[in-house]
């Protein structure tokens, strides 16, 4: 089997264990007509580690988002996590981060091909 060219990286599914972090994500259209999404969430150490690890693995690849309130999926590229400071509930969380995506497109929620 020939290796996949770098320009054809497979789409990566947003991790199911992190799906609740995207509840309420705001999807908007920029002045250039491209859609983007973002949400600010409080995180604990474990979730922050998982987000950073995932973001590093999917850099320059598309991520498929299955949003609970939508029948279709979205596909886009994940931006670098942005730290926003203190958590709203510092007894349970270590901070607040912004999770965001750019170039969001509609997708059919087809399961991506296994690649690892």
C-alpha atoms as a PDB file:
ATOM      1  CA  UNK A   1       0.000   0.000   0.000  1.00  0.00           C
ATOM      2  CA  UNK A   2       1.357   3.413  -0.957  1.00  0.00           C
ATOM      3  CA  UNK A   3       1.648   6.074   1.748  1.00  0.00           C
ATOM      4  CA  UNK A   4      -0.986   8.800   1.700  1.00  0.00           C
ATOM      5  CA  UNK A   5       0.316  12.139   0.370  1.00  0.00           C
ATOM      6  CA  UNK A   6       0.529  14.874   2.997  1.00  0.00           C
ATOM      7  CA  UNK A   7      -2.082  16.884   1.105  1.00  0.00           C
ATOM      8  CA  UNK A   8      -4.629  14.094   1.659  1.00  0.00           C
ATOM      9  CA  UNK A   9      -4.554  13.657   5.438  1.00  0.00           C
ATOM     10  CA  UNK A  10      -7.580  11.740   6.668  1.00  0.00           C
ATOM     11  CA  UNK A  11     -10.287  13.582   8.581  1.00  0.00           C
ATOM     12  CA  UNK A  12     -10.025  13.055  12.337  1.00  0.00           C
ATOM     13  CA  UNK A  13     -13.116  12.617  14.512  1.00  0.00           C
ATOM     14  CA  UNK A  14     -13.474  14.934  17.528  1.00  0.00           C
ATOM     15  CA  UNK A  15     -12.994  12.636  20.569  1.00  0.00           C
ATOM     16  CA  UNK A  16     -16.253  11.338  22.041  1.00  0.00           C
ATOM     17  CA  UNK A  17     -14.911  11.868  25.579  1.00  0.00           C
ATOM     18  CA  UNK A  18     -14.592  15.595  24.797  1.00  0.00           C
ATOM     19  CA  UNK A  19     -17.937  15.997  23.001  1.00  0.00           C
ATOM     20  CA  UNK A  20     -19.633  17.775  25.909  1.00  0.00           C
ATOM     21  CA  UNK A  21     -17.036  20.567  25.651  1.00  0.00           C
ATOM     22  CA  UNK A  22     -18.564  21.623  22.317  1.00  0.00           C
ATOM     23  CA  UNK A  23     -22.124  21.974  23.684  1.00  0.00           C
ATOM     24  CA  UNK A  24     -23.207  25.495  22.846  1.00  0.00           C
ATOM     25  CA  UNK A  25     -20.392  26.209  20.379  1.00  0.00           C
ATOM     26  CA  UNK A  26     -21.045  29.441  18.498  1.00  0.00           C
ATOM     27  CA  UNK A  27     -20.918  29.078  14.712  1.00  0.00           C
ATOM     28  CA  UNK A  28     -20.582  32.317  12.750  1.00  0.00           C
ATOM     29  CA  UNK A  29     -19.661  33.523   9.281  1.00  0.00           C
ATOM     30  CA  UNK A  30     -16.751  35.906   8.885  1.00  0.00           C
ATOM     31  CA  UNK A  31     -16.537  38.853   6.486  1.00  0.00           C
ATOM     32  CA  UNK A  32     -14.780  36.549   3.999  1.00  0.00           C
ATOM     33  CA  UNK A  33     -17.861  34.267   3.896  1.00  0.00           C
ATOM     34  CA  UNK A  34     -16.104  31.400   5.702  1.00  0.00           C
ATOM     35  CA  UNK A  35     -17.639  29.868   8.809  1.00  0.00           C
ATOM     36  CA  UNK A  36     -15.851  29.480  12.113  1.00  0.00           C
ATOM     37  CA  UNK A  37     -16.795  28.206  15.543  1.00  0.00           C
ATOM     38  CA  UNK A  38     -15.662  28.896  19.076  1.00  0.00           C
ATOM     39  CA  UNK A  39     -16.514  28.190  22.665  1.00  0.00           C
ATOM     40  CA  UNK A  40     -14.916  29.132  25.977  1.00  0.00           C
ATOM     41  CA  UNK A  41     -14.838  26.348  28.572  1.00  0.00           C
ATOM     42  CA  UNK A  42     -13.465  25.701  32.040  1.00  0.00           C
ATOM     43  CA  UNK A  43     -11.043  22.773  32.143  1.00  0.00           C
ATOM     44  CA  UNK A  44      -9.330  20.625  34.730  1.00  0.00           C
ATOM     45  CA  UNK A  45      -5.766  19.315  34.343  1.00  0.00           C
ATOM     46  CA  UNK A  46      -6.814  16.084  32.614  1.00  0.00           C
ATOM     47  CA  UNK A  47      -9.073  17.790  30.058  1.00  0.00           C
ATOM     48  CA  UNK A  48      -6.432  20.432  29.351  1.00  0.00           C
ATOM     49  CA  UNK A  49      -3.881  17.684  28.688  1.00  0.00           C
ATOM     50  CA  UNK A  50      -6.309  15.812  26.387  1.00  0.00           C
ATOM     51  CA  UNK A  51      -7.140  18.998  24.453  1.00  0.00           C
ATOM     52  CA  UNK A  52      -3.487  19.936  23.987  1.00  0.00           C
ATOM     53  CA  UNK A  53      -2.593  16.400  22.926  1.00  0.00           C
ATOM     54  CA  UNK A  54      -5.470  16.267  20.429  1.00  0.00           C
ATOM     55  CA  UNK A  55      -4.702  19.733  19.033  1.00  0.00           C
ATOM     56  CA  UNK A  56      -1.065  18.739  18.457  1.00  0.00           C
ATOM     57  CA  UNK A  57      -2.071  15.531  16.644  1.00  0.00           C
ATOM     58  CA  UNK A  58      -4.573  17.223  14.316  1.00  0.00           C
ATOM     59  CA  UNK A  59      -2.542  20.282  13.359  1.00  0.00           C
ATOM     60  CA  UNK A  60      -3.087  21.008   9.633  1.00  0.00           C
ATOM     61  CA  UNK A  61      -5.754  18.299   9.405  1.00  0.00           C
ATOM     62  CA  UNK A  62      -9.519  18.480   9.253  1.00  0.00           C
ATOM     63  CA  UNK A  63     -11.581  17.571  12.304  1.00  0.00           C
ATOM     64  CA  UNK A  64     -15.122  16.224  12.060  1.00  0.00           C
ATOM     65  CA  UNK A  65     -17.492  17.633  14.685  1.00  0.00           C
ATOM     66  CA  UNK A  66     -20.693  15.794  15.570  1.00  0.00           C
ATOM     67  CA  UNK A  67     -22.752  18.415  17.333  1.00  0.00           C
ATOM     68  CA  UNK A  68     -25.627  17.112  19.446  1.00  0.00           C
ATOM     69  CA  UNK A  69     -28.114  19.739  18.257  1.00  0.00           C
ATOM     70  CA  UNK A  70     -27.467  19.196  14.527  1.00  0.00           C
ATOM     71  CA  UNK A  71     -28.294  16.300  12.204  1.00  0.00           C
ATOM     72  CA  UNK A  72     -25.259  16.926  10.022  1.00  0.00           C
ATOM     73  CA  UNK A  73     -21.627  17.197  11.029  1.00  0.00           C
ATOM     74  CA  UNK A  74     -19.162  19.975  10.439  1.00  0.00           C
ATOM     75  CA  UNK A  75     -15.583  19.635   9.248  1.00  0.00           C
ATOM     76  CA  UNK A  76     -12.926  22.249   9.848  1.00  0.00           C
ATOM     77  CA  UNK A  77      -9.423  22.861  11.117  1.00  0.00           C
ATOM     78  CA  UNK A  78      -8.811  23.290  14.836  1.00  0.00           C
ATOM     79  CA  UNK A  79      -7.012  26.439  15.924  1.00  0.00           C
ATOM     80  CA  UNK A  80      -4.408  26.495  18.675  1.00  0.00           C
ATOM     81  CA  UNK A  81      -5.977  26.541  22.151  1.00  0.00           C
ATOM     82  CA  UNK A  82      -6.064  29.972  23.752  1.00  0.00           C
ATOM     83  CA  UNK A  83      -5.787  30.325  27.522  1.00  0.00           C
ATOM     84  CA  UNK A  84      -8.306  32.824  28.876  1.00  0.00           C
ATOM     85  CA  UNK A  85      -7.278  32.918  32.537  1.00  0.00           C
ATOM     86  CA  UNK A  86      -9.081  31.814  35.666  1.00  0.00           C
ATOM     87  CA  UNK A  87     -11.926  29.321  35.629  1.00  0.00           C
ATOM     88  CA  UNK A  88     -15.418  30.369  36.697  1.00  0.00           C
ATOM     89  CA  UNK A  89     -15.278  27.555  39.282  1.00  0.00           C
ATOM     90  CA  UNK A  90     -11.661  27.384  40.519  1.00  0.00           C
ATOM     91  CA  UNK A  91     -12.504  24.634  43.028  1.00  0.00           C
ATOM     92  CA  UNK A  92     -13.012  22.142  40.170  1.00  0.00           C
ATOM     93  CA  UNK A  93     -11.071  23.659  37.249  1.00  0.00           C
ATOM     94  CA  UNK A  94      -7.624  25.113  36.688  1.00  0.00           C
ATOM     95  CA  UNK A  95      -8.517  27.591  33.967  1.00  0.00           C
ATOM     96  CA  UNK A  96     -10.616  28.641  30.990  1.00  0.00           C
ATOM     97  CA  UNK A  97      -9.646  27.995  27.366  1.00  0.00           C
ATOM     98  CA  UNK A  98     -11.089  28.856  23.981  1.00  0.00           C
ATOM     99  CA  UNK A  99     -11.620  25.948  21.599  1.00  0.00           C
ATOM    100  CA  UNK A 100     -12.040  27.193  18.043  1.00  0.00           C
ATOM    101  CA  UNK A 101     -12.186  25.988  14.455  1.00  0.00           C
ATOM    102  CA  UNK A 102     -11.889  27.728  11.085  1.00  0.00           C
ATOM    103  CA  UNK A 103     -13.029  26.916   7.543  1.00  0.00           C
ATOM    104  CA  UNK A 104     -16.081  25.007   8.804  1.00  0.00           C
ATOM    105  CA  UNK A 105     -17.964  23.097   6.108  1.00  0.00           C
ATOM    106  CA  UNK A 106     -21.047  20.892   6.231  1.00  0.00           C
ATOM    107  CA  UNK A 107     -20.310  17.173   6.286  1.00  0.00           C
ATOM    108  CA  UNK A 108     -22.435  14.036   6.116  1.00  0.00           C
ATOM    109  CA  UNK A 109     -21.213  12.456   9.387  1.00  0.00           C
ATOM    110  CA  UNK A 110     -19.709   9.517   7.549  1.00  0.00           C
ATOM    111  CA  UNK A 111     -17.317   7.663   9.827  1.00  0.00           C
ATOM    112  CA  UNK A 112     -13.738   8.473   8.836  1.00  0.00           C
ATOM    113  CA  UNK A 113     -11.490   5.704   7.591  1.00  0.00           C
ATOM    114  CA  UNK A 114      -9.265   4.175  10.274  1.00  0.00           C
ATOM    115  CA  UNK A 115      -5.739   5.493   9.835  1.00  0.00           C
ATOM    116  CA  UNK A 116      -3.646   4.306  12.742  1.00  0.00           C
END
